[in-house]
């Protein structure tokens, strides 16, 4: 699906709003929405690969997550105290993932993304029951 260049700005605004709301409500899902958005934006650009979509999602997700973390901490500082034990592993994993992104093939990344989304969906549905 390709989009016209004059409809990109409103689409980005709607997507950003939906992503912020979703991240604020349930703390997840923003990357999926941004993946969809960047896939549409980069569809016309033959130089862009799926790797570029995922890298762009990471950059766009960071501010949304920081804002959510600030808002959660504002209401209950204990949330950040529990999260700080995960930060070293998350930072190390992020650095390793960034290095591996250059090596990984697009077909593998697509399958990995689909698998993680599928497993996450199943877990969320299972826990909701």
C-alpha atoms as a PDB file:
ATOM      1  CA  UNK A   1       0.000   0.000   0.000  1.00  0.00           C
ATOM      2  CA  UNK A   2       1.439   3.339  -1.041  1.00  0.00           C
ATOM      3  CA  UNK A   3       0.259   6.662   0.285  1.00  0.00           C
ATOM      4  CA  UNK A   4       0.258  10.070  -1.340  1.00  0.00           C
ATOM      5  CA  UNK A   5       2.830  12.543  -0.072  1.00  0.00           C
ATOM      6  CA  UNK A   6       0.173  15.114   0.885  1.00  0.00           C
ATOM      7  CA  UNK A   7      -1.497  12.659   3.271  1.00  0.00           C
ATOM      8  CA  UNK A   8       1.691  11.770   5.188  1.00  0.00           C
ATOM      9  CA  UNK A   9       1.536  14.646   7.686  1.00  0.00           C
ATOM     10  CA  UNK A  10      -2.057  13.992   8.862  1.00  0.00           C
ATOM     11  CA  UNK A  11      -1.327  10.261   8.967  1.00  0.00           C
ATOM     12  CA  UNK A  12       1.764  10.886  11.123  1.00  0.00           C
ATOM     13  CA  UNK A  13      -0.259  13.073  13.493  1.00  0.00           C
ATOM     14  CA  UNK A  14      -3.059  10.522  13.864  1.00  0.00           C
ATOM     15  CA  UNK A  15      -0.573   7.686  14.287  1.00  0.00           C
ATOM     16  CA  UNK A  16       1.454   9.589  16.885  1.00  0.00           C
ATOM     17  CA  UNK A  17      -1.697  10.402  18.863  1.00  0.00           C
ATOM     18  CA  UNK A  18      -2.904   6.797  18.738  1.00  0.00           C
ATOM     19  CA  UNK A  19       0.546   5.546  19.729  1.00  0.00           C
ATOM     20  CA  UNK A  20       0.769   7.884  22.685  1.00  0.00           C
ATOM     21  CA  UNK A  21      -2.683   6.914  23.919  1.00  0.00           C
ATOM     22  CA  UNK A  22      -1.980   3.205  23.514  1.00  0.00           C
ATOM     23  CA  UNK A  23       1.384   3.446  25.267  1.00  0.00           C
ATOM     24  CA  UNK A  24      -0.122   5.468  28.094  1.00  0.00           C
ATOM     25  CA  UNK A  25      -2.993   3.032  28.565  1.00  0.00           C
ATOM     26  CA  UNK A  26      -1.282  -0.328  28.403  1.00  0.00           C
ATOM     27  CA  UNK A  27       2.426   0.478  28.185  1.00  0.00           C
ATOM     28  CA  UNK A  28       2.963  -1.334  24.902  1.00  0.00           C
ATOM     29  CA  UNK A  29       1.956  -1.400  21.256  1.00  0.00           C
ATOM     30  CA  UNK A  30       3.550   1.830  20.128  1.00  0.00           C
ATOM     31  CA  UNK A  31       6.222  -0.002  18.127  1.00  0.00           C
ATOM     32  CA  UNK A  32       3.618  -1.947  16.182  1.00  0.00           C
ATOM     33  CA  UNK A  33       1.803   1.224  15.195  1.00  0.00           C
ATOM     34  CA  UNK A  34       5.050   2.954  14.244  1.00  0.00           C
ATOM     35  CA  UNK A  35       6.114  -0.083  12.199  1.00  0.00           C
ATOM     36  CA  UNK A  36       2.920   0.250  10.185  1.00  0.00           C
ATOM     37  CA  UNK A  37       3.466   3.990   9.731  1.00  0.00           C
ATOM     38  CA  UNK A  38       7.104   3.742   8.661  1.00  0.00           C
ATOM     39  CA  UNK A  39       6.289   0.849   6.324  1.00  0.00           C
ATOM     40  CA  UNK A  40       3.842   3.157   4.555  1.00  0.00           C
ATOM     41  CA  UNK A  41       6.232   6.104   4.503  1.00  0.00           C
ATOM     42  CA  UNK A  42       9.169   4.064   3.196  1.00  0.00           C
ATOM     43  CA  UNK A  43       7.092   2.141   0.636  1.00  0.00           C
ATOM     44  CA  UNK A  44       7.988   4.630  -2.112  1.00  0.00           C
ATOM     45  CA  UNK A  45      11.691   4.773  -1.277  1.00  0.00           C
ATOM     46  CA  UNK A  46      13.524   1.912  -2.977  1.00  0.00           C
ATOM     47  CA  UNK A  47      16.679   2.626  -0.939  1.00  0.00           C
ATOM     48  CA  UNK A  48      14.921   1.868   2.362  1.00  0.00           C
ATOM     49  CA  UNK A  49      14.884  -1.662   3.724  1.00  0.00           C
ATOM     50  CA  UNK A  50      12.878  -3.261   6.511  1.00  0.00           C
ATOM     51  CA  UNK A  51      15.874  -2.586   8.733  1.00  0.00           C
ATOM     52  CA  UNK A  52      15.265   1.130   8.258  1.00  0.00           C
ATOM     53  CA  UNK A  53      11.648   0.697   9.330  1.00  0.00           C
ATOM     54  CA  UNK A  54      12.663  -1.029  12.569  1.00  0.00           C
ATOM     55  CA  UNK A  55      15.448   1.469  13.306  1.00  0.00           C
ATOM     56  CA  UNK A  56      13.069   4.391  12.751  1.00  0.00           C
ATOM     57  CA  UNK A  57      10.537   2.772  15.082  1.00  0.00           C
ATOM     58  CA  UNK A  58      13.119   2.562  17.837  1.00  0.00           C
ATOM     59  CA  UNK A  59      13.989   6.233  17.528  1.00  0.00           C
ATOM     60  CA  UNK A  60      10.318   7.261  17.467  1.00  0.00           C
ATOM     61  CA  UNK A  61       9.375   4.995  20.373  1.00  0.00           C
ATOM     62  CA  UNK A  62      11.993   6.342  22.785  1.00  0.00           C
ATOM     63  CA  UNK A  63      10.369   9.739  23.479  1.00  0.00           C
ATOM     64  CA  UNK A  64       6.933   8.155  23.870  1.00  0.00           C
ATOM     65  CA  UNK A  65       8.292   5.682  26.411  1.00  0.00           C
ATOM     66  CA  UNK A  66      10.185   8.389  28.298  1.00  0.00           C
ATOM     67  CA  UNK A  67       7.038  10.501  28.580  1.00  0.00           C
ATOM     68  CA  UNK A  68       5.057   7.498  29.824  1.00  0.00           C
ATOM     69  CA  UNK A  69       7.786   6.654  32.341  1.00  0.00           C
ATOM     70  CA  UNK A  70       7.760  10.240  33.601  1.00  0.00           C
ATOM     71  CA  UNK A  71       3.976  10.182  34.004  1.00  0.00           C
ATOM     72  CA  UNK A  72       4.026   6.813  35.796  1.00  0.00           C
ATOM     73  CA  UNK A  73       6.818   8.004  38.108  1.00  0.00           C
ATOM     74  CA  UNK A  74       4.941  11.216  38.818  1.00  0.00           C
ATOM     75  CA  UNK A  75       2.069   9.152  40.216  1.00  0.00           C
ATOM     76  CA  UNK A  76       4.169   6.432  41.880  1.00  0.00           C
ATOM     77  CA  UNK A  77       7.970   6.693  42.121  1.00  0.00           C
ATOM     78  CA  UNK A  78       8.069   3.026  43.151  1.00  0.00           C
ATOM     79  CA  UNK A  79       7.470   2.091  39.502  1.00  0.00           C
ATOM     80  CA  UNK A  80      10.896   3.416  38.531  1.00  0.00           C
ATOM     81  CA  UNK A  81      12.544   1.798  41.533  1.00  0.00           C
ATOM     82  CA  UNK A  82      11.343  -1.608  40.322  1.00  0.00           C
ATOM     83  CA  UNK A  83      12.343  -0.868  36.724  1.00  0.00           C
ATOM     84  CA  UNK A  84      15.923   0.186  37.465  1.00  0.00           C
ATOM     85  CA  UNK A  85      17.028  -3.413  37.975  1.00  0.00           C
ATOM     86  CA  UNK A  86      16.089  -4.134  34.350  1.00  0.00           C
ATOM     87  CA  UNK A  87      17.968  -1.170  32.853  1.00  0.00           C
ATOM     88  CA  UNK A  88      21.484  -2.677  32.558  1.00  0.00           C
ATOM     89  CA  UNK A  89      20.185  -5.708  30.686  1.00  0.00           C
ATOM     90  CA  UNK A  90      17.907  -3.581  28.524  1.00  0.00           C
ATOM     91  CA  UNK A  91      20.745  -1.220  27.601  1.00  0.00           C
ATOM     92  CA  UNK A  92      23.110  -4.096  26.816  1.00  0.00           C
ATOM     93  CA  UNK A  93      20.422  -5.871  24.807  1.00  0.00           C
ATOM     94  CA  UNK A  94      19.641  -2.698  22.892  1.00  0.00           C
ATOM     95  CA  UNK A  95      23.278  -2.178  21.977  1.00  0.00           C
ATOM     96  CA  UNK A  96      23.638  -5.798  20.860  1.00  0.00           C
ATOM     97  CA  UNK A  97      20.419  -5.585  18.851  1.00  0.00           C
ATOM     98  CA  UNK A  98      21.589  -2.404  17.121  1.00  0.00           C
ATOM     99  CA  UNK A  99      24.827  -4.126  16.090  1.00  0.00           C
ATOM    100  CA  UNK A 100      22.944  -7.234  14.913  1.00  0.00           C
ATOM    101  CA  UNK A 101      20.527  -5.119  12.860  1.00  0.00           C
ATOM    102  CA  UNK A 102      23.291  -4.421  10.347  1.00  0.00           C
ATOM    103  CA  UNK A 103      24.014  -8.151   9.991  1.00  0.00           C
ATOM    104  CA  UNK A 104      20.465  -9.560   9.971  1.00  0.00           C
ATOM    105  CA  UNK A 105      18.620 -10.192   6.732  1.00  0.00           C
ATOM    106  CA  UNK A 106      15.300  -8.480   6.074  1.00  0.00           C
ATOM    107  CA  UNK A 107      13.467 -11.788   5.727  1.00  0.00           C
ATOM    108  CA  UNK A 108      14.678 -12.878   9.177  1.00  0.00           C
ATOM    109  CA  UNK A 109      13.651  -9.551  10.721  1.00  0.00           C
ATOM    110  CA  UNK A 110      10.146  -9.815   9.271  1.00  0.00           C
ATOM    111  CA  UNK A 111       9.721 -13.335  10.654  1.00  0.00           C
ATOM    112  CA  UNK A 112      11.154 -12.367  14.041  1.00  0.00           C
ATOM    113  CA  UNK A 113       8.842  -9.362  14.294  1.00  0.00           C
ATOM    114  CA  UNK A 114       5.804 -11.433  13.308  1.00  0.00           C
ATOM    115  CA  UNK A 115       6.734 -14.148  15.806  1.00  0.00           C
ATOM    116  CA  UNK A 116       7.182 -11.717  18.679  1.00  0.00           C
ATOM    117  CA  UNK A 117       3.920  -9.947  17.882  1.00  0.00           C
ATOM    118  CA  UNK A 118       2.101 -13.283  17.672  1.00  0.00           C
ATOM    119  CA  UNK A 119       3.519 -14.594  20.944  1.00  0.00           C
ATOM    120  CA  UNK A 120       2.843 -11.287  22.699  1.00  0.00           C
ATOM    121  CA  UNK A 121      -0.749 -11.319  21.492  1.00  0.00           C
ATOM    122  CA  UNK A 122      -1.287 -14.865  22.704  1.00  0.00           C
ATOM    123  CA  UNK A 123       0.197 -14.070  26.117  1.00  0.00           C
ATOM    124  CA  UNK A 124      -1.937 -10.930  26.498  1.00  0.00           C
ATOM    125  CA  UNK A 125      -5.108 -12.805  25.549  1.00  0.00           C
ATOM    126  CA  UNK A 126      -4.196 -15.699  27.866  1.00  0.00           C
ATOM    127  CA  UNK A 127      -3.636 -13.347  30.809  1.00  0.00           C
ATOM    128  CA  UNK A 128      -6.865 -11.495  30.106  1.00  0.00           C
ATOM    129  CA  UNK A 129      -8.916 -14.662  30.491  1.00  0.00           C
END
